[in-house]
Amino acid sequence: MLLAIDIGNTDTTLGVFDGEELRATWHMATSVHRMADEYAALLLNLLRHQGLEIADIKEAALCSVAPPLITTFEELFQRYFKITPLVVGSGVKTGVRIRMDNPREVGADRIVNAVAAHHLYGGPVIITDVGTATTFDTVSREGDYLGGAIAPGIATGAEALFIQAAMLPRIELTHPKRAIGTSTVGAMQSGIIFGYVGLIEGIVARIGQELGEKAKVVATGGYAALIAKETKVIDVVEPNLTLIGLRLIYLMNKA
């Protein structure tokens, strides 16, 4: 079985593949202060809860936007699983040509998402990852990574309001009852959720104009389902897009 790990700024997502089947997924908070043994204790408990043991995991692949944790997870795998994980980065085959001014600037998770989206849906495809940041990645019909856009994430924006505006509370990010909020919380929910819907619709429209052809729009990330309910611009929500991409890249590099 393959253990795929996507280490994000806020959350770390883990998934176990049995062949093509994604058998189990979990989420844990990302912390650069947590040691390899601490992550191992959490991971081993999660595996056992699913009826899996260390010996079941024969392969591993990971990507990370928190560089210090790459070493932490490499140590974890070598100590507990006796395997060396594939870390997506420079020198790893992805099958994607990066058409950026500086290809090294592109986060590994964004390339992994591009691989998965093009494999699943073809191209051109626009991927919006609605997480700590709201990112947009554009993949051509041929599978080339063309670039995209980066905006603050929904939770990041809500937290900034709470911190910077003394009279505004910390709120639950949930479906607004209406655009005209009749309470402070309702107004904030409307502004944040519908505001990000407008942001996504606007950027997708501009990317589509520059592409000059219709592109499929795939949403992933922790708030993708919430946003997708409020707009018709998102064609499909795939919460496990990065895990799927990690498996595909692992297979490319296995030989």
C-alpha atoms as a PDB file:
ATOM      1  CA  MET A   1       0.000   0.000   0.000  1.00  0.00           C
ATOM      2  CA  LEU A   2       1.043   3.581  -0.661  1.00  0.00           C
ATOM      3  CA  LEU A   3       0.815   6.300   1.995  1.00  0.00           C
ATOM      4  CA  ALA A   4       0.435   9.764   0.429  1.00  0.00           C
ATOM      5  CA  ILE A   5       0.910  12.894   2.538  1.00  0.00           C
ATOM      6  CA  ASP A   6       0.128  16.497   1.616  1.00  0.00           C
ATOM      7  CA  ILE A   7       1.708  18.840   4.174  1.00  0.00           C
ATOM      8  CA  GLY A   8      -0.085  22.183   3.989  1.00  0.00           C
ATOM      9  CA  ASN A   9       0.354  25.430   5.881  1.00  0.00           C
ATOM     10  CA  THR A  10      -2.530  24.705   8.243  1.00  0.00           C
ATOM     11  CA  ASP A  11      -3.542  21.073   7.726  1.00  0.00           C
ATOM     12  CA  THR A  12      -1.759  17.886   6.764  1.00  0.00           C
ATOM     13  CA  THR A  13      -3.813  15.412   4.720  1.00  0.00           C
ATOM     14  CA  LEU A  14      -2.923  11.730   4.623  1.00  0.00           C
ATOM     15  CA  GLY A  15      -4.300   8.937   2.460  1.00  0.00           C
ATOM     16  CA  VAL A  16      -3.659   5.220   2.021  1.00  0.00           C
ATOM     17  CA  PHE A  17      -3.966   3.767  -1.480  1.00  0.00           C
ATOM     18  CA  ASP A  18      -4.536   0.086  -2.063  1.00  0.00           C
ATOM     19  CA  GLY A  19      -3.819   0.032  -5.782  1.00  0.00           C
ATOM     20  CA  GLU A  20      -6.037   2.726  -7.289  1.00  0.00           C
ATOM     21  CA  GLU A  21      -8.462   2.654  -4.357  1.00  0.00           C
ATOM     22  CA  LEU A  22      -8.111   5.401  -1.777  1.00  0.00           C
ATOM     23  CA  ARG A  23      -8.815   3.256   1.249  1.00  0.00           C
ATOM     24  CA  ALA A  24      -8.657   5.880   4.003  1.00  0.00           C
ATOM     25  CA  THR A  25      -7.965   9.593   4.500  1.00  0.00           C
ATOM     26  CA  TRP A  26      -7.175  11.644   7.597  1.00  0.00           C
ATOM     27  CA  HIS A  27      -6.415  15.245   8.518  1.00  0.00           C
ATOM     28  CA  MET A  28      -4.185  16.620  11.259  1.00  0.00           C
ATOM     29  CA  ALA A  29      -2.953  20.089  12.187  1.00  0.00           C
ATOM     30  CA  THR A  30       0.384  21.054  10.673  1.00  0.00           C
ATOM     31  CA  SER A  31       3.022  22.055  13.206  1.00  0.00           C
ATOM     32  CA  VAL A  32       6.704  22.589  12.480  1.00  0.00           C
ATOM     33  CA  HIS A  33       7.348  22.177  16.216  1.00  0.00           C
ATOM     34  CA  ARG A  34       6.095  18.584  16.317  1.00  0.00           C
ATOM     35  CA  MET A  35       8.849  15.973  16.278  1.00  0.00           C
ATOM     36  CA  ALA A  36       9.031  12.902  14.041  1.00  0.00           C
ATOM     37  CA  ASP A  37       8.115  10.638  16.966  1.00  0.00           C
ATOM     38  CA  GLU A  38       5.036  12.743  17.739  1.00  0.00           C
ATOM     39  CA  TYR A  39       3.829  12.588  14.142  1.00  0.00           C
ATOM     40  CA  ALA A  40       4.547   8.858  14.159  1.00  0.00           C
ATOM     41  CA  ALA A  41       2.418   8.313  17.256  1.00  0.00           C
ATOM     42  CA  LEU A  42      -0.506  10.089  15.605  1.00  0.00           C
ATOM     43  CA  LEU A  43      -0.051   8.304  12.306  1.00  0.00           C
ATOM     44  CA  LEU A  44       0.270   4.825  13.782  1.00  0.00           C
ATOM     45  CA  ASN A  45      -2.911   5.313  15.802  1.00  0.00           C
ATOM     46  CA  LEU A  46      -4.775   6.426  12.686  1.00  0.00           C
ATOM     47  CA  LEU A  47      -3.554   3.400  10.747  1.00  0.00           C
ATOM     48  CA  ARG A  48      -4.551   0.976  13.497  1.00  0.00           C
ATOM     49  CA  HIS A  49      -7.982   2.568  13.764  1.00  0.00           C
ATOM     50  CA  GLN A  50      -8.417   1.639  10.099  1.00  0.00           C
ATOM     51  CA  GLY A  51      -7.193  -1.914  10.709  1.00  0.00           C
ATOM     52  CA  LEU A  52      -3.772  -1.282   9.150  1.00  0.00           C
ATOM     53  CA  GLU A  53      -0.280  -1.935  10.467  1.00  0.00           C
ATOM     54  CA  ILE A  54       3.185  -0.562   9.719  1.00  0.00           C
ATOM     55  CA  ALA A  55       3.987  -3.612   7.601  1.00  0.00           C
ATOM     56  CA  ASP A  56       1.046  -2.818   5.281  1.00  0.00           C
ATOM     57  CA  ILE A  57       2.712   0.409   4.114  1.00  0.00           C
ATOM     58  CA  LYS A  58       5.318  -0.445   1.497  1.00  0.00           C
ATOM     59  CA  GLU A  59       5.570   2.897  -0.324  1.00  0.00           C
ATOM     60  CA  ALA A  60       5.215   6.594   0.469  1.00  0.00           C
ATOM     61  CA  ALA A  61       5.030   9.920  -1.358  1.00  0.00           C
ATOM     62  CA  LEU A  62       4.720  13.432   0.005  1.00  0.00           C
ATOM     63  CA  CYS A  63       4.700  17.094  -0.906  1.00  0.00           C
ATOM     64  CA  SER A  64       5.105  19.982   1.484  1.00  0.00           C
ATOM     65  CA  VAL A  65       4.805  23.762   1.593  1.00  0.00           C
ATOM     66  CA  ALA A  66       6.563  23.672   4.997  1.00  0.00           C
ATOM     67  CA  PRO A  67      10.181  22.742   4.123  1.00  0.00           C
ATOM     68  CA  PRO A  68      11.284  21.907   7.723  1.00  0.00           C
ATOM     69  CA  LEU A  69       8.690  19.113   7.864  1.00  0.00           C
ATOM     70  CA  ILE A  70      10.154  17.284   4.880  1.00  0.00           C
ATOM     71  CA  THR A  71      13.092  16.201   7.028  1.00  0.00           C
ATOM     72  CA  THR A  72      10.730  15.353   9.881  1.00  0.00           C
ATOM     73  CA  PHE A  73       8.639  13.015   7.741  1.00  0.00           C
ATOM     74  CA  GLU A  74      11.669  11.482   6.049  1.00  0.00           C
ATOM     75  CA  GLU A  75      12.960  10.609   9.517  1.00  0.00           C
ATOM     76  CA  LEU A  76       9.535   9.207  10.463  1.00  0.00           C
ATOM     77  CA  PHE A  77       9.397   6.904   7.448  1.00  0.00           C
ATOM     78  CA  GLN A  78      12.962   5.702   7.776  1.00  0.00           C
ATOM     79  CA  ARG A  79      12.676   5.010  11.504  1.00  0.00           C
ATOM     80  CA  TYR A  80       9.212   3.448  11.682  1.00  0.00           C
ATOM     81  CA  PHE A  81       8.467   2.140   8.190  1.00  0.00           C
ATOM     82  CA  LYS A  82      12.005   1.423   6.970  1.00  0.00           C
ATOM     83  CA  ILE A  83      11.260   3.105   3.630  1.00  0.00           C
ATOM     84  CA  THR A  84      12.396   6.297   1.906  1.00  0.00           C
ATOM     85  CA  PRO A  85       9.454   8.416   0.736  1.00  0.00           C
ATOM     86  CA  LEU A  86       9.311  10.085  -2.649  1.00  0.00           C
ATOM     87  CA  VAL A  87       9.384  13.839  -1.983  1.00  0.00           C
ATOM     88  CA  VAL A  88       7.954  15.868  -4.862  1.00  0.00           C
ATOM     89  CA  GLY A  89      10.431  18.560  -5.793  1.00  0.00           C
ATOM     90  CA  SER A  90      13.343  19.307  -8.087  1.00  0.00           C
ATOM     91  CA  GLY A  91      14.474  16.259 -10.038  1.00  0.00           C
ATOM     92  CA  VAL A  92      11.220  14.326  -9.646  1.00  0.00           C
ATOM     93  CA  LYS A  93       9.396  13.357 -12.843  1.00  0.00           C
ATOM     94  CA  THR A  94       5.885  14.823 -13.023  1.00  0.00           C
ATOM     95  CA  GLY A  95       5.163  14.830 -16.744  1.00  0.00           C
ATOM     96  CA  VAL A  96       4.316  18.539 -16.499  1.00  0.00           C
ATOM     97  CA  ARG A  97       6.140  21.275 -18.400  1.00  0.00           C
ATOM     98  CA  ILE A  98       6.120  24.424 -16.264  1.00  0.00           C
ATOM     99  CA  ARG A  99       5.666  27.563 -18.377  1.00  0.00           C
ATOM    100  CA  MET A 100       6.417  30.010 -15.543  1.00  0.00           C
ATOM    101  CA  ASP A 101       9.140  32.686 -15.660  1.00  0.00           C
ATOM    102  CA  ASN A 102      10.852  30.830 -12.798  1.00  0.00           C
ATOM    103  CA  PRO A 103       9.600  27.224 -12.544  1.00  0.00           C
ATOM    104  CA  ARG A 104      11.247  26.805  -9.115  1.00  0.00           C
ATOM    105  CA  GLU A 105       8.772  29.302  -7.657  1.00  0.00           C
ATOM    106  CA  VAL A 106       5.819  26.958  -8.150  1.00  0.00           C
ATOM    107  CA  GLY A 107       4.798  25.074  -5.012  1.00  0.00           C
ATOM    108  CA  ALA A 108       5.034  21.286  -5.233  1.00  0.00           C
ATOM    109  CA  ASP A 109       1.392  20.920  -4.182  1.00  0.00           C
ATOM    110  CA  ARG A 110       0.263  23.028  -7.151  1.00  0.00           C
ATOM    111  CA  ILE A 111       2.149  20.831  -9.614  1.00  0.00           C
ATOM    112  CA  VAL A 112       0.762  17.711  -7.938  1.00  0.00           C
ATOM    113  CA  ASN A 113      -2.762  19.128  -8.323  1.00  0.00           C
ATOM    114  CA  ALA A 114      -2.068  19.916 -11.974  1.00  0.00           C
ATOM    115  CA  VAL A 115      -0.979  16.316 -12.608  1.00  0.00           C
ATOM    116  CA  ALA A 116      -4.118  14.915 -10.968  1.00  0.00           C
ATOM    117  CA  ALA A 117      -6.567  17.343 -12.610  1.00  0.00           C
ATOM    118  CA  HIS A 118      -5.215  16.789 -16.118  1.00  0.00           C
ATOM    119  CA  HIS A 119      -5.209  13.011 -15.581  1.00  0.00           C
ATOM    120  CA  LEU A 120      -8.803  12.993 -14.331  1.00  0.00           C
ATOM    121  CA  TYR A 121     -10.404  15.657 -16.520  1.00  0.00           C
ATOM    122  CA  GLY A 122      -8.080  16.460 -19.400  1.00  0.00           C
ATOM    123  CA  GLY A 123      -7.356  20.028 -20.405  1.00  0.00           C
ATOM    124  CA  PRO A 124      -7.576  22.867 -20.380  1.00  0.00           C
ATOM    125  CA  VAL A 125      -8.405  22.825 -16.702  1.00  0.00           C
ATOM    126  CA  ILE A 126      -8.443  25.473 -13.982  1.00  0.00           C
ATOM    127  CA  ILE A 127      -7.825  24.291 -10.425  1.00  0.00           C
ATOM    128  CA  THR A 128      -8.876  26.430  -7.494  1.00  0.00           C
ATOM    129  CA  ASP A 129      -7.520  25.307  -4.134  1.00  0.00           C
ATOM    130  CA  VAL A 130      -9.624  26.940  -1.426  1.00  0.00           C
ATOM    131  CA  GLY A 131      -7.481  26.570   1.673  1.00  0.00           C
ATOM    132  CA  THR A 132      -5.119  28.760   3.718  1.00  0.00           C
ATOM    133  CA  ALA A 133      -4.582  30.628   0.472  1.00  0.00           C
ATOM    134  CA  THR A 134      -6.989  30.629  -2.454  1.00  0.00           C
ATOM    135  CA  THR A 135      -4.943  29.596  -5.453  1.00  0.00           C
ATOM    136  CA  PHE A 136      -5.739  29.212  -9.141  1.00  0.00           C
ATOM    137  CA  ASP A 137      -3.684  26.964 -11.406  1.00  0.00           C
ATOM    138  CA  THR A 138      -4.107  26.739 -15.160  1.00  0.00           C
ATOM    139  CA  VAL A 139      -3.205  23.645 -17.168  1.00  0.00           C
ATOM    140  CA  SER A 140      -3.276  23.608 -20.968  1.00  0.00           C
ATOM    141  CA  ARG A 141      -4.906  21.035 -23.191  1.00  0.00           C
ATOM    142  CA  GLU A 142      -1.464  19.421 -23.583  1.00  0.00           C
ATOM    143  CA  GLY A 143      -0.902  19.255 -19.824  1.00  0.00           C
ATOM    144  CA  ASP A 144       1.484  22.215 -19.484  1.00  0.00           C
ATOM    145  CA  TYR A 145       1.357  24.275 -16.296  1.00  0.00           C
ATOM    146  CA  LEU A 146       0.745  27.846 -17.482  1.00  0.00           C
ATOM    147  CA  GLY A 147       0.580  29.734 -14.168  1.00  0.00           C
ATOM    148  CA  GLY A 148      -2.241  31.123 -12.094  1.00  0.00           C
ATOM    149  CA  ALA A 149      -3.174  33.448  -9.273  1.00  0.00           C
ATOM    150  CA  ILE A 150      -2.839  33.570  -5.490  1.00  0.00           C
ATOM    151  CA  ALA A 151      -5.212  35.333  -3.095  1.00  0.00           C
ATOM    152  CA  PRO A 152      -5.652  35.235   0.694  1.00  0.00           C
ATOM    153  CA  GLY A 153      -7.668  32.263   1.927  1.00  0.00           C
ATOM    154  CA  ILE A 154     -11.187  32.464   3.310  1.00  0.00           C
ATOM    155  CA  ALA A 155     -10.212  31.600   6.867  1.00  0.00           C
ATOM    156  CA  THR A 156      -7.196  33.906   6.593  1.00  0.00           C
ATOM    157  CA  GLY A 157      -9.443  36.798   5.594  1.00  0.00           C
ATOM    158  CA  ALA A 158     -11.963  36.093   8.354  1.00  0.00           C
ATOM    159  CA  GLU A 159      -9.224  35.887  10.972  1.00  0.00           C
ATOM    160  CA  ALA A 160      -7.709  39.153   9.753  1.00  0.00           C
ATOM    161  CA  LEU A 161     -11.060  40.900  10.269  1.00  0.00           C
ATOM    162  CA  PHE A 162     -11.293  39.536  13.805  1.00  0.00           C
ATOM    163  CA  ILE A 163      -7.738  40.609  14.670  1.00  0.00           C
ATOM    164  CA  GLN A 164      -7.707  44.009  12.980  1.00  0.00           C
ATOM    165  CA  ALA A 165     -11.260  45.217  13.689  1.00  0.00           C
ATOM    166  CA  ALA A 166     -11.921  45.550  17.421  1.00  0.00           C
ATOM    167  CA  MET A 167     -15.713  45.319  17.134  1.00  0.00           C
ATOM    168  CA  LEU A 168     -15.868  42.282  14.832  1.00  0.00           C
ATOM    169  CA  PRO A 169     -16.085  38.768  16.306  1.00  0.00           C
ATOM    170  CA  ARG A 170     -14.517  35.507  15.181  1.00  0.00           C
ATOM    171  CA  ILE A 171     -17.228  33.734  13.164  1.00  0.00           C
ATOM    172  CA  GLU A 172     -18.130  30.310  11.848  1.00  0.00           C
ATOM    173  CA  LEU A 173     -17.600  30.068   8.109  1.00  0.00           C
ATOM    174  CA  THR A 174     -20.909  28.693   6.958  1.00  0.00           C
ATOM    175  CA  HIS A 175     -23.596  29.262   4.333  1.00  0.00           C
ATOM    176  CA  PRO A 176     -25.025  32.816   4.683  1.00  0.00           C
ATOM    177  CA  LYS A 177     -28.819  33.000   4.919  1.00  0.00           C
ATOM    178  CA  ARG A 178     -28.888  36.058   2.683  1.00  0.00           C
ATOM    179  CA  ALA A 179     -26.648  38.659   1.080  1.00  0.00           C
ATOM    180  CA  ILE A 180     -28.117  41.451   3.241  1.00  0.00           C
ATOM    181  CA  GLY A 181     -26.923  40.448   6.679  1.00  0.00           C
ATOM    182  CA  THR A 182     -29.237  41.539   9.494  1.00  0.00           C
ATOM    183  CA  SER A 183     -26.618  41.011  12.208  1.00  0.00           C
ATOM    184  CA  THR A 184     -22.886  41.566  12.453  1.00  0.00           C
ATOM    185  CA  VAL A 185     -22.210  37.836  12.144  1.00  0.00           C
ATOM    186  CA  GLY A 186     -24.623  37.521   9.215  1.00  0.00           C
ATOM    187  CA  ALA A 187     -23.040  40.490   7.471  1.00  0.00           C
ATOM    188  CA  MET A 188     -19.557  39.052   7.927  1.00  0.00           C
ATOM    189  CA  GLN A 189     -20.614  35.633   6.658  1.00  0.00           C
ATOM    190  CA  SER A 190     -22.219  37.245   3.628  1.00  0.00           C
ATOM    191  CA  GLY A 191     -19.202  39.415   2.893  1.00  0.00           C
ATOM    192  CA  ILE A 192     -16.677  36.636   3.292  1.00  0.00           C
ATOM    193  CA  ILE A 193     -18.474  33.722   1.625  1.00  0.00           C
ATOM    194  CA  PHE A 194     -20.202  35.634  -1.178  1.00  0.00           C
ATOM    195  CA  GLY A 195     -17.126  37.832  -1.534  1.00  0.00           C
ATOM    196  CA  TYR A 196     -14.946  34.799  -2.197  1.00  0.00           C
ATOM    197  CA  VAL A 197     -17.548  33.394  -4.574  1.00  0.00           C
ATOM    198  CA  GLY A 198     -17.242  36.630  -6.540  1.00  0.00           C
ATOM    199  CA  LEU A 199     -13.441  36.453  -6.382  1.00  0.00           C
ATOM    200  CA  ILE A 200     -13.413  32.905  -7.760  1.00  0.00           C
ATOM    201  CA  GLU A 201     -15.963  33.679 -10.470  1.00  0.00           C
ATOM    202  CA  GLY A 202     -14.055  36.796 -11.511  1.00  0.00           C
ATOM    203  CA  ILE A 203     -10.608  35.205 -11.710  1.00  0.00           C
ATOM    204  CA  VAL A 204     -11.920  32.093 -13.472  1.00  0.00           C
ATOM    205  CA  ALA A 205     -13.614  34.356 -16.040  1.00  0.00           C
ATOM    206  CA  ARG A 206     -10.412  36.318 -16.651  1.00  0.00           C
ATOM    207  CA  ILE A 207      -8.316  33.151 -16.981  1.00  0.00           C
ATOM    208  CA  GLY A 208     -10.891  31.776 -19.432  1.00  0.00           C
ATOM    209  CA  GLN A 209     -10.671  34.935 -21.533  1.00  0.00           C
ATOM    210  CA  GLU A 210      -6.879  34.663 -21.683  1.00  0.00           C
ATOM    211  CA  LEU A 211      -7.036  30.968 -22.574  1.00  0.00           C
ATOM    212  CA  GLY A 212      -9.520  31.671 -25.347  1.00  0.00           C
ATOM    213  CA  GLU A 213     -11.357  28.403 -24.809  1.00  0.00           C
ATOM    214  CA  LYS A 214     -13.650  26.739 -22.296  1.00  0.00           C
ATOM    215  CA  ALA A 215     -11.819  25.152 -19.376  1.00  0.00           C
ATOM    216  CA  LYS A 216     -13.130  22.709 -16.784  1.00  0.00           C
ATOM    217  CA  VAL A 217     -12.972  24.165 -13.267  1.00  0.00           C
ATOM    218  CA  VAL A 218     -11.973  21.812 -10.450  1.00  0.00           C
ATOM    219  CA  ALA A 219     -12.128  22.875  -6.805  1.00  0.00           C
ATOM    220  CA  THR A 220     -10.219  21.315  -3.935  1.00  0.00           C
ATOM    221  CA  GLY A 221      -9.210  22.353  -0.423  1.00  0.00           C
ATOM    222  CA  GLY A 222     -11.014  22.602   2.893  1.00  0.00           C
ATOM    223  CA  TYR A 223     -13.600  25.183   1.833  1.00  0.00           C
ATOM    224  CA  ALA A 224     -14.161  23.975  -1.740  1.00  0.00           C
ATOM    225  CA  ALA A 225     -17.503  22.289  -1.036  1.00  0.00           C
ATOM    226  CA  LEU A 226     -18.836  25.352   0.799  1.00  0.00           C
ATOM    227  CA  ILE A 227     -17.971  27.690  -2.068  1.00  0.00           C
ATOM    228  CA  ALA A 228     -19.113  25.280  -4.784  1.00  0.00           C
ATOM    229  CA  LYS A 229     -22.652  25.347  -3.363  1.00  0.00           C
ATOM    230  CA  GLU A 230     -22.843  29.063  -4.102  1.00  0.00           C
ATOM    231  CA  THR A 231     -21.642  29.177  -7.709  1.00  0.00           C
ATOM    232  CA  LYS A 232     -22.114  27.438 -11.040  1.00  0.00           C
ATOM    233  CA  VAL A 233     -18.588  28.230 -12.230  1.00  0.00           C
ATOM    234  CA  ILE A 234     -17.119  25.201 -10.402  1.00  0.00           C
ATOM    235  CA  ASP A 235     -17.706  22.032 -12.401  1.00  0.00           C
ATOM    236  CA  VAL A 236     -16.448  19.465  -9.921  1.00  0.00           C
ATOM    237  CA  VAL A 237     -15.188  19.269  -6.326  1.00  0.00           C
ATOM    238  CA  GLU A 238     -12.376  16.781  -5.711  1.00  0.00           C
ATOM    239  CA  PRO A 239     -11.241  16.941  -2.066  1.00  0.00           C
ATOM    240  CA  ASN A 240      -8.536  14.299  -2.607  1.00  0.00           C
ATOM    241  CA  LEU A 241      -6.961  15.879  -5.684  1.00  0.00           C
ATOM    242  CA  THR A 242      -3.484  16.252  -4.150  1.00  0.00           C
ATOM    243  CA  LEU A 243      -3.421  12.700  -2.799  1.00  0.00           C
ATOM    244  CA  ILE A 244      -4.407  11.374  -6.226  1.00  0.00           C
ATOM    245  CA  GLY A 245      -1.635  13.433  -7.827  1.00  0.00           C
ATOM    246  CA  LEU A 246       0.925  12.119  -5.354  1.00  0.00           C
ATOM    247  CA  ARG A 247       0.050   8.543  -6.282  1.00  0.00           C
ATOM    248  CA  LEU A 248       0.352   9.314 -10.001  1.00  0.00           C
ATOM    249  CA  ILE A 249       3.744  10.975  -9.568  1.00  0.00           C
ATOM    250  CA  TYR A 250       4.958   8.094  -7.416  1.00  0.00           C
ATOM    251  CA  LEU A 251       4.086   5.655 -10.196  1.00  0.00           C
ATOM    252  CA  MET A 252       5.978   7.791 -12.755  1.00  0.00           C
ATOM    253  CA  ASN A 253       9.119   7.631 -10.611  1.00  0.00           C
ATOM    254  CA  LYS A 254       8.795   4.041  -9.418  1.00  0.00           C
ATOM    255  CA  ALA A 255      10.731   2.430 -12.249  1.00  0.00           C
END
